[in-house]
Amino acid sequence: MNFHGVTPEVVIQGRIPVMTSEYCPLGDLDFCVREKEQDRVFLKDRKCKYYPIIKNPEKCQSVILSQKETDLCRKKDDLRKAGVSRFRIYVE
């Protein structure tokens, strides 16, 4: 398979970042990471699904992770056969 000079990479384990927010909603909620320890914080959508938030105090950002964890470890050989040579694991 031709990837036009791009080395394909697939996330095979973990929660994928779905959004990085330059606006820190945690600061507005008086929950600034600079003042408190790293607590587990979630964003709840209208369907009552929870998305973990990772706080980045250096840039005053929030990274919102996917609701479901990806697990393609069993498919690694199939992905290699398809031409994927790099795999990524996200750890919270």
PDB file of N, CA and C in Angstrom:
ATOM      1  N   MET A   1       0.844  -1.181   0.000  1.00  0.00           N
ATOM      2  CA  MET A   1       0.000   0.000   0.000  1.00  0.00           C
ATOM      3  C   MET A   1       0.889   1.244   0.000  1.00  0.00           C
ATOM      4  N   ASN A   2       0.557   2.246  -0.791  1.00  0.00           N
ATOM      5  CA  ASN A   2       1.341   3.472  -0.906  1.00  0.00           C
ATOM      6  C   ASN A   2       0.760   4.555  -0.002  1.00  0.00           C
ATOM      7  N   PHE A   3       1.577   5.040   0.930  1.00  0.00           N
ATOM      8  CA  PHE A   3       1.144   6.089   1.845  1.00  0.00           C
ATOM      9  C   PHE A   3       1.771   7.437   1.482  1.00  0.00           C
ATOM     10  N   HIS A   4       2.313   7.543   0.266  1.00  0.00           N
ATOM     11  CA  HIS A   4       2.860   8.795  -0.277  1.00  0.00           C
ATOM     12  C   HIS A   4       3.897   9.436   0.644  1.00  0.00           C
ATOM     13  N   GLY A   5       4.832   8.617   1.131  1.00  0.00           N
ATOM     14  CA  GLY A   5       5.929   9.137   1.941  1.00  0.00           C
ATOM     15  C   GLY A   5       5.603   9.348   3.407  1.00  0.00           C
ATOM     16  N   VAL A   6       4.393   9.072   3.822  1.00  0.00           N
ATOM     17  CA  VAL A   6       3.995   9.244   5.217  1.00  0.00           C
ATOM     18  C   VAL A   6       4.067   7.892   5.908  1.00  0.00           C
ATOM     19  N   THR A   7       4.679   7.854   7.073  1.00  0.00           N
ATOM     20  CA  THR A   7       4.733   6.618   7.842  1.00  0.00           C
ATOM     21  C   THR A   7       3.453   6.507   8.662  1.00  0.00           C
ATOM     22  N   PRO A   8       2.616   5.522   8.358  1.00  0.00           N
ATOM     23  CA  PRO A   8       1.351   5.413   9.087  1.00  0.00           C
ATOM     24  C   PRO A   8       1.556   4.993  10.538  1.00  0.00           C
ATOM     25  N   GLU A   9       0.754   5.583  11.407  1.00  0.00           N
ATOM     26  CA  GLU A   9       0.807   5.292  12.830  1.00  0.00           C
ATOM     27  C   GLU A   9      -0.612   5.088  13.326  1.00  0.00           C
ATOM     28  N   VAL A  10      -0.802   4.094  14.182  1.00  0.00           N
ATOM     29  CA  VAL A  10      -2.136   3.786  14.694  1.00  0.00           C
ATOM     30  C   VAL A  10      -2.088   3.739  16.217  1.00  0.00           C
ATOM     31  N   VAL A  11      -3.074   4.349  16.852  1.00  0.00           N
ATOM     32  CA  VAL A  11      -3.228   4.231  18.300  1.00  0.00           C
ATOM     33  C   VAL A  11      -3.853   2.871  18.566  1.00  0.00           C
ATOM     34  N   ILE A  12      -3.136   2.028  19.314  1.00  0.00           N
ATOM     35  CA  ILE A  12      -3.667   0.689  19.573  1.00  0.00           C
ATOM     36  C   ILE A  12      -4.164   0.503  21.006  1.00  0.00           C
ATOM     37  N   GLN A  13      -3.851   1.440  21.894  1.00  0.00           N
ATOM     38  CA  GLN A  13      -4.280   1.301  23.288  1.00  0.00           C
ATOM     39  C   GLN A  13      -4.423   2.680  23.908  1.00  0.00           C
ATOM     40  N   GLY A  14      -5.495   2.879  24.642  1.00  0.00           N
ATOM     41  CA  GLY A  14      -5.667   4.100  25.417  1.00  0.00           C
ATOM     42  C   GLY A  14      -6.790   4.977  24.927  1.00  0.00           C
ATOM     43  N   ARG A  15      -6.954   6.089  25.597  1.00  0.00           N
ATOM     44  CA  ARG A  15      -7.975   7.078  25.236  1.00  0.00           C
ATOM     45  C   ARG A  15      -7.328   8.127  24.333  1.00  0.00           C
ATOM     46  N   ILE A  16      -7.921   8.347  23.196  1.00  0.00           N
ATOM     47  CA  ILE A  16      -7.381   9.257  22.204  1.00  0.00           C
ATOM     48  C   ILE A  16      -7.794  10.691  22.554  1.00  0.00           C
ATOM     49  N   PRO A  17      -6.858  11.652  22.500  1.00  0.00           N
ATOM     50  CA  PRO A  17      -7.238  13.053  22.703  1.00  0.00           C
ATOM     51  C   PRO A  17      -8.200  13.493  21.597  1.00  0.00           C
ATOM     52  N   VAL A  18      -9.337  14.038  21.991  1.00  0.00           N
ATOM     53  CA  VAL A  18     -10.316  14.493  21.002  1.00  0.00           C
ATOM     54  C   VAL A  18     -10.332  16.014  20.880  1.00  0.00           C
ATOM     55  N   MET A  19      -9.808  16.711  21.901  1.00  0.00           N
ATOM     56  CA  MET A  19      -9.798  18.169  21.827  1.00  0.00           C
ATOM     57  C   MET A  19      -8.809  18.733  22.842  1.00  0.00           C
ATOM     58  N   THR A  20      -8.102  19.779  22.428  1.00  0.00           N
ATOM     59  CA  THR A  20      -7.280  20.561  23.342  1.00  0.00           C
ATOM     60  C   THR A  20      -7.915  21.927  23.461  1.00  0.00           C
ATOM     61  N   SER A  21      -8.187  22.330  24.687  1.00  0.00           N
ATOM     62  CA  SER A  21      -8.849  23.606  24.926  1.00  0.00           C
ATOM     63  C   SER A  21      -7.841  24.626  25.437  1.00  0.00           C
ATOM     64  N   GLU A  22      -7.708  25.721  24.715  1.00  0.00           N
ATOM     65  CA  GLU A  22      -6.854  26.827  25.172  1.00  0.00           C
ATOM     66  C   GLU A  22      -7.530  27.555  26.332  1.00  0.00           C
ATOM     67  N   TYR A  23      -8.813  27.419  26.412  1.00  0.00           N
ATOM     68  CA  TYR A  23      -9.592  27.962  27.521  1.00  0.00           C
ATOM     69  C   TYR A  23      -9.638  26.896  28.609  1.00  0.00           C
ATOM     70  N   CYS A  24      -9.339  27.255  29.818  1.00  0.00           N
ATOM     71  CA  CYS A  24      -9.317  26.285  30.899  1.00  0.00           C
ATOM     72  C   CYS A  24     -10.599  26.396  31.722  1.00  0.00           C
ATOM     73  N   PRO A  25     -11.571  25.524  31.468  1.00  0.00           N
ATOM     74  CA  PRO A  25     -12.819  25.592  32.229  1.00  0.00           C
ATOM     75  C   PRO A  25     -12.628  25.291  33.705  1.00  0.00           C
ATOM     76  N   LEU A  26     -11.563  24.592  34.043  1.00  0.00           N
ATOM     77  CA  LEU A  26     -11.319  24.238  35.436  1.00  0.00           C
ATOM     78  C   LEU A  26     -10.983  25.469  36.281  1.00  0.00           C
ATOM     79  N   GLY A  27     -10.320  26.434  35.670  1.00  0.00           N
ATOM     80  CA  GLY A  27     -10.011  27.674  36.390  1.00  0.00           C
ATOM     81  C   GLY A  27     -11.266  28.462  36.715  1.00  0.00           C
ATOM     82  N   ASP A  28     -12.229  28.493  35.776  1.00  0.00           N
ATOM     83  CA  ASP A  28     -13.489  29.193  36.013  1.00  0.00           C
ATOM     84  C   ASP A  28     -14.321  28.519  37.099  1.00  0.00           C
ATOM     85  N   LEU A  29     -14.105  27.230  37.289  1.00  0.00           N
ATOM     86  CA  LEU A  29     -14.845  26.492  38.315  1.00  0.00           C
ATOM     87  C   LEU A  29     -14.115  26.501  39.655  1.00  0.00           C
ATOM     88  N   ASP A  30     -13.109  27.369  39.765  1.00  0.00           N
ATOM     89  CA  ASP A  30     -12.296  27.464  40.971  1.00  0.00           C
ATOM     90  C   ASP A  30     -11.639  26.123  41.283  1.00  0.00           C
ATOM     91  N   PHE A  31     -11.182  25.451  40.229  1.00  0.00           N
ATOM     92  CA  PHE A  31     -10.558  24.145  40.362  1.00  0.00           C
ATOM     93  C   PHE A  31      -9.225  24.172  39.624  1.00  0.00           C
ATOM     94  N   CYS A  32      -8.490  25.236  39.806  1.00  0.00           N
ATOM     95  CA  CYS A  32      -7.237  25.426  39.080  1.00  0.00           C
ATOM     96  C   CYS A  32      -6.190  24.433  39.551  1.00  0.00           C
ATOM     97  N   VAL A  33      -5.524  23.798  38.599  1.00  0.00           N
ATOM     98  CA  VAL A  33      -4.512  22.784  38.908  1.00  0.00           C
ATOM     99  C   VAL A  33      -3.312  23.385  39.632  1.00  0.00           C
ATOM    100  N   ARG A  34      -3.086  24.657  39.470  1.00  0.00           N
ATOM    101  CA  ARG A  34      -1.944  25.285  40.134  1.00  0.00           C
ATOM    102  C   ARG A  34      -2.132  25.298  41.645  1.00  0.00           C
ATOM    103  N   GLU A  35      -3.375  25.258  42.078  1.00  0.00           N
ATOM    104  CA  GLU A  35      -3.663  25.346  43.501  1.00  0.00           C
ATOM    105  C   GLU A  35      -3.940  23.996  44.136  1.00  0.00           C
ATOM    106  N   LYS A  36      -4.302  23.003  43.350  1.00  0.00           N
ATOM    107  CA  LYS A  36      -4.691  21.711  43.899  1.00  0.00           C
ATOM    108  C   LYS A  36      -3.928  20.590  43.223  1.00  0.00           C
ATOM    109  N   GLU A  37      -3.926  19.438  43.858  1.00  0.00           N
ATOM    110  CA  GLU A  37      -3.260  18.269  43.282  1.00  0.00           C
ATOM    111  C   GLU A  37      -4.003  17.806  42.037  1.00  0.00           C
ATOM    112  N   GLN A  38      -3.350  16.930  41.275  1.00  0.00           N
ATOM    113  CA  GLN A  38      -3.936  16.385  40.050  1.00  0.00           C
ATOM    114  C   GLN A  38      -5.063  15.428  40.418  1.00  0.00           C
ATOM    115  N   ASP A  39      -6.289  15.888  40.348  1.00  0.00           N
ATOM    116  CA  ASP A  39      -7.462  15.065  40.591  1.00  0.00           C
ATOM    117  C   ASP A  39      -8.003  14.581  39.261  1.00  0.00           C
ATOM    118  N   ARG A  40      -8.769  13.490  39.289  1.00  0.00           N
ATOM    119  CA  ARG A  40      -9.413  13.008  38.062  1.00  0.00           C
ATOM    120  C   ARG A  40     -10.664  13.858  37.833  1.00  0.00           C
ATOM    121  N   VAL A  41     -10.707  14.465  36.654  1.00  0.00           N
ATOM    122  CA  VAL A  41     -11.809  15.350  36.301  1.00  0.00           C
ATOM    123  C   VAL A  41     -12.392  14.871  34.978  1.00  0.00           C
ATOM    124  N   PHE A  42     -13.726  14.947  34.855  1.00  0.00           N
ATOM    125  CA  PHE A  42     -14.406  14.470  33.660  1.00  0.00           C
ATOM    126  C   PHE A  42     -15.362  15.526  33.137  1.00  0.00           C
ATOM    127  N   LEU A  43     -15.592  15.493  31.838  1.00  0.00           N
ATOM    128  CA  LEU A  43     -16.599  16.311  31.191  1.00  0.00           C
ATOM    129  C   LEU A  43     -17.763  15.379  30.863  1.00  0.00           C
ATOM    130  N   LYS A  44     -18.994  15.763  31.222  1.00  0.00           N
ATOM    131  CA  LYS A  44     -20.164  14.924  30.954  1.00  0.00           C
ATOM    132  C   LYS A  44     -20.960  15.546  29.819  1.00  0.00           C
ATOM    133  N   ASP A  45     -21.265  14.733  28.786  1.00  0.00           N
ATOM    134  CA  ASP A  45     -22.029  15.264  27.662  1.00  0.00           C
ATOM    135  C   ASP A  45     -23.533  15.077  27.890  1.00  0.00           C
ATOM    136  N   ARG A  46     -24.327  15.498  26.918  1.00  0.00           N
ATOM    137  CA  ARG A  46     -25.784  15.466  27.063  1.00  0.00           C
ATOM    138  C   ARG A  46     -26.350  14.046  27.118  1.00  0.00           C
ATOM    139  N   LYS A  47     -25.545  13.061  26.710  1.00  0.00           N
ATOM    140  CA  LYS A  47     -25.966  11.653  26.768  1.00  0.00           C
ATOM    141  C   LYS A  47     -25.412  10.958  28.011  1.00  0.00           C
ATOM    142  N   CYS A  48     -24.936  11.756  28.948  1.00  0.00           N
ATOM    143  CA  CYS A  48     -24.371  11.269  30.217  1.00  0.00           C
ATOM    144  C   CYS A  48     -23.150  10.377  30.024  1.00  0.00           C
ATOM    145  N   LYS A  49     -22.342  10.679  29.019  1.00  0.00           N
ATOM    146  CA  LYS A  49     -21.082   9.982  28.814  1.00  0.00           C
ATOM    147  C   LYS A  49     -19.963  10.866  29.353  1.00  0.00           C
ATOM    148  N   TYR A  50     -18.977  10.240  29.959  1.00  0.00           N
ATOM    149  CA  TYR A  50     -17.904  10.970  30.624  1.00  0.00           C
ATOM    150  C   TYR A  50     -16.617  10.926  29.820  1.00  0.00           C
ATOM    151  N   TYR A  51     -15.971  12.086  29.700  1.00  0.00           N
ATOM    152  CA  TYR A  51     -14.716  12.249  28.979  1.00  0.00           C
ATOM    153  C   TYR A  51     -13.662  12.746  29.970  1.00  0.00           C
ATOM    154  N   PRO A  52     -12.598  11.972  30.195  1.00  0.00           N
ATOM    155  CA  PRO A  52     -11.549  12.422  31.115  1.00  0.00           C
ATOM    156  C   PRO A  52     -10.866  13.694  30.600  1.00  0.00           C
ATOM    157  N   ILE A  53     -10.484  14.544  31.534  1.00  0.00           N
ATOM    158  CA  ILE A  53      -9.763  15.778  31.204  1.00  0.00           C
ATOM    159  C   ILE A  53      -8.388  15.707  31.853  1.00  0.00           C
ATOM    160  N   ILE A  54      -7.369  15.948  31.038  1.00  0.00           N
ATOM    161  CA  ILE A  54      -6.003  16.055  31.555  1.00  0.00           C
ATOM    162  C   ILE A  54      -5.664  17.535  31.592  1.00  0.00           C
ATOM    163  N   LYS A  55      -5.220  17.987  32.749  1.00  0.00           N
ATOM    164  CA  LYS A  55      -4.889  19.404  32.918  1.00  0.00           C
ATOM    165  C   LYS A  55      -3.413  19.639  32.603  1.00  0.00           C
ATOM    166  N   ASN A  56      -3.131  20.725  31.901  1.00  0.00           N
ATOM    167  CA  ASN A  56      -1.763  21.114  31.574  1.00  0.00           C
ATOM    168  C   ASN A  56      -1.506  22.484  32.206  1.00  0.00           C
ATOM    169  N   PRO A  57      -0.933  22.515  33.416  1.00  0.00           N
ATOM    170  CA  PRO A  57      -0.777  23.789  34.130  1.00  0.00           C
ATOM    171  C   PRO A  57       0.223  24.744  33.497  1.00  0.00           C
ATOM    172  N   GLU A  58       1.221  24.211  32.782  1.00  0.00           N
ATOM    173  CA  GLU A  58       2.229  25.089  32.182  1.00  0.00           C
ATOM    174  C   GLU A  58       1.627  25.991  31.115  1.00  0.00           C
ATOM    175  N   LYS A  59       0.662  25.471  30.357  1.00  0.00           N
ATOM    176  CA  LYS A  59       0.047  26.244  29.276  1.00  0.00           C
ATOM    177  C   LYS A  59      -1.377  26.664  29.600  1.00  0.00           C
ATOM    178  N   CYS A  60      -1.860  26.313  30.787  1.00  0.00           N
ATOM    179  CA  CYS A  60      -3.235  26.594  31.198  1.00  0.00           C
ATOM    180  C   CYS A  60      -4.209  26.045  30.147  1.00  0.00           C
ATOM    181  N   GLN A  61      -4.014  24.781  29.784  1.00  0.00           N
ATOM    182  CA  GLN A  61      -4.853  24.104  28.803  1.00  0.00           C
ATOM    183  C   GLN A  61      -5.519  22.890  29.444  1.00  0.00           C
ATOM    184  N   SER A  62      -6.531  22.399  28.766  1.00  0.00           N
ATOM    185  CA  SER A  62      -7.173  21.144  29.140  1.00  0.00           C
ATOM    186  C   SER A  62      -7.221  20.264  27.900  1.00  0.00           C
ATOM    187  N   VAL A  63      -6.840  18.990  28.053  1.00  0.00           N
ATOM    188  CA  VAL A  63      -6.924  18.028  26.958  1.00  0.00           C
ATOM    189  C   VAL A  63      -8.059  17.071  27.295  1.00  0.00           C
ATOM    190  N   ILE A  64      -9.057  17.016  26.422  1.00  0.00           N
ATOM    191  CA  ILE A  64     -10.203  16.158  26.639  1.00  0.00           C
ATOM    192  C   ILE A  64      -9.973  14.859  25.867  1.00  0.00           C
ATOM    193  N   LEU A  65     -10.088  13.741  26.576  1.00  0.00           N
ATOM    194  CA  LEU A  65      -9.833  12.428  25.991  1.00  0.00           C
ATOM    195  C   LEU A  65     -11.132  11.755  25.561  1.00  0.00           C
ATOM    196  N   SER A  66     -11.007  10.768  24.686  1.00  0.00           N
ATOM    197  CA  SER A  66     -12.187  10.048  24.206  1.00  0.00           C
ATOM    198  C   SER A  66     -12.888   9.327  25.353  1.00  0.00           C
ATOM    199  N   GLN A  67     -14.175   9.114  25.149  1.00  0.00           N
ATOM    200  CA  GLN A  67     -15.008   8.488  26.165  1.00  0.00           C
ATOM    201  C   GLN A  67     -14.658   7.015  26.323  1.00  0.00           C
ATOM    202  N   LYS A  68     -14.385   6.351  25.220  1.00  0.00           N
ATOM    203  CA  LYS A  68     -14.044   4.930  25.254  1.00  0.00           C
ATOM    204  C   LYS A  68     -12.547   4.741  25.038  1.00  0.00           C
ATOM    205  N   GLU A  69     -12.019   3.700  25.666  1.00  0.00           N
ATOM    206  CA  GLU A  69     -10.609   3.372  25.484  1.00  0.00           C
ATOM    207  C   GLU A  69     -10.444   2.471  24.265  1.00  0.00           C
ATOM    208  N   THR A  70      -9.475   2.813  23.421  1.00  0.00           N
ATOM    209  CA  THR A  70      -9.159   2.011  22.241  1.00  0.00           C
ATOM    210  C   THR A  70      -8.324   0.807  22.671  1.00  0.00           C
ATOM    211  N   ASP A  71      -8.635  -0.358  22.104  1.00  0.00           N
ATOM    212  CA  ASP A  71      -7.840  -1.548  22.369  1.00  0.00           C
ATOM    213  C   ASP A  71      -7.745  -2.379  21.088  1.00  0.00           C
ATOM    214  N   LEU A  72      -6.679  -2.132  20.330  1.00  0.00           N
ATOM    215  CA  LEU A  72      -6.438  -2.845  19.081  1.00  0.00           C
ATOM    216  C   LEU A  72      -5.199  -3.736  19.168  1.00  0.00           C
ATOM    217  N   CYS A  73      -4.783  -4.074  20.384  1.00  0.00           N
ATOM    218  CA  CYS A  73      -3.567  -4.880  20.558  1.00  0.00           C
ATOM    219  C   CYS A  73      -3.663  -6.218  19.838  1.00  0.00           C
ATOM    220  N   ARG A  74      -4.826  -6.809  19.838  1.00  0.00           N
ATOM    221  CA  ARG A  74      -4.998  -8.106  19.161  1.00  0.00           C
ATOM    222  C   ARG A  74      -4.950  -7.975  17.645  1.00  0.00           C
ATOM    223  N   LYS A  75      -5.114  -6.776  17.140  1.00  0.00           N
ATOM    224  CA  LYS A  75      -5.114  -6.536  15.691  1.00  0.00           C
ATOM    225  C   LYS A  75      -3.760  -6.069  15.167  1.00  0.00           C
ATOM    226  N   LYS A  76      -2.754  -6.060  16.023  1.00  0.00           N
ATOM    227  CA  LYS A  76      -1.439  -5.517  15.657  1.00  0.00           C
ATOM    228  C   LYS A  76      -0.846  -6.215  14.426  1.00  0.00           C
ATOM    229  N   ASP A  77      -0.941  -7.546  14.360  1.00  0.00           N
ATOM    230  CA  ASP A  77      -0.390  -8.274  13.210  1.00  0.00           C
ATOM    231  C   ASP A  77      -1.133  -7.920  11.924  1.00  0.00           C
ATOM    232  N   ASP A  78      -2.453  -7.793  12.008  1.00  0.00           N
ATOM    233  CA  ASP A  78      -3.244  -7.398  10.833  1.00  0.00           C
ATOM    234  C   ASP A  78      -2.870  -5.993  10.375  1.00  0.00           C
ATOM    235  N   LEU A  79      -2.634  -5.092  11.326  1.00  0.00           N
ATOM    236  CA  LEU A  79      -2.247  -3.722  10.982  1.00  0.00           C
ATOM    237  C   LEU A  79      -0.870  -3.697  10.325  1.00  0.00           C
ATOM    238  N   ARG A  80       0.046  -4.526  10.817  1.00  0.00           N
ATOM    239  CA  ARG A  80       1.378  -4.616  10.197  1.00  0.00           C
ATOM    240  C   ARG A  80       1.271  -5.091   8.750  1.00  0.00           C
ATOM    241  N   LYS A  81       0.420  -6.090   8.514  1.00  0.00           N
ATOM    242  CA  LYS A  81       0.219  -6.604   7.160  1.00  0.00           C
ATOM    243  C   LYS A  81      -0.362  -5.536   6.238  1.00  0.00           C
ATOM    244  N   ALA A  82      -1.126  -4.615   6.819  1.00  0.00           N
ATOM    245  CA  ALA A  82      -1.728  -3.526   6.042  1.00  0.00           C
ATOM    246  C   ALA A  82      -0.741  -2.385   5.798  1.00  0.00           C
ATOM    247  N   GLY A  83       0.466  -2.476   6.388  1.00  0.00           N
ATOM    248  CA  GLY A  83       1.488  -1.466   6.129  1.00  0.00           C
ATOM    249  C   GLY A  83       1.769  -0.520   7.276  1.00  0.00           C
ATOM    250  N   VAL A  84       1.130  -0.721   8.409  1.00  0.00           N
ATOM    251  CA  VAL A  84       1.373   0.145   9.568  1.00  0.00           C
ATOM    252  C   VAL A  84       2.648  -0.323  10.254  1.00  0.00           C
ATOM    253  N   SER A  85       3.557   0.619  10.501  1.00  0.00           N
ATOM    254  CA  SER A  85       4.828   0.249  11.136  1.00  0.00           C
ATOM    255  C   SER A  85       5.043   0.940  12.477  1.00  0.00           C
ATOM    256  N   ARG A  86       4.177   1.875  12.815  1.00  0.00           N
ATOM    257  CA  ARG A  86       4.302   2.572  14.102  1.00  0.00           C
ATOM    258  C   ARG A  86       2.991   2.446  14.868  1.00  0.00           C
ATOM    259  N   PHE A  87       3.158   2.177  16.156  1.00  0.00           N
ATOM    260  CA  PHE A  87       2.000   2.032  17.026  1.00  0.00           C
ATOM    261  C   PHE A  87       2.162   2.956  18.217  1.00  0.00           C
ATOM    262  N   ARG A  88       1.049   3.485  18.698  1.00  0.00           N
ATOM    263  CA  ARG A  88       1.084   4.415  19.819  1.00  0.00           C
ATOM    264  C   ARG A  88       0.159   3.908  20.921  1.00  0.00           C
ATOM    265  N   ILE A  89       0.617   4.081  22.157  1.00  0.00           N
ATOM    266  CA  ILE A  89      -0.184   3.753  23.333  1.00  0.00           C
ATOM    267  C   ILE A  89      -0.318   5.030  24.151  1.00  0.00           C
ATOM    268  N   TYR A  90      -1.539   5.436  24.452  1.00  0.00           N
ATOM    269  CA  TYR A  90      -1.781   6.602  25.297  1.00  0.00           C
ATOM    270  C   TYR A  90      -1.992   6.139  26.726  1.00  0.00           C
ATOM    271  N   VAL A  91      -1.294   6.769  27.650  1.00  0.00           N
ATOM    272  CA  VAL A  91      -1.421   6.447  29.067  1.00  0.00           C
ATOM    273  C   VAL A  91      -1.874   7.710  29.781  1.00  0.00           C
ATOM    274  N   GLU A  92      -2.902   7.572  30.591  1.00  0.00           N
ATOM    275  CA  GLU A  92      -3.396   8.731  31.363  1.00  0.00           C
ATOM    276  C   GLU A  92      -2.533   8.986  32.553  1.00  0.00           C
TER     277      GLU A  92
END
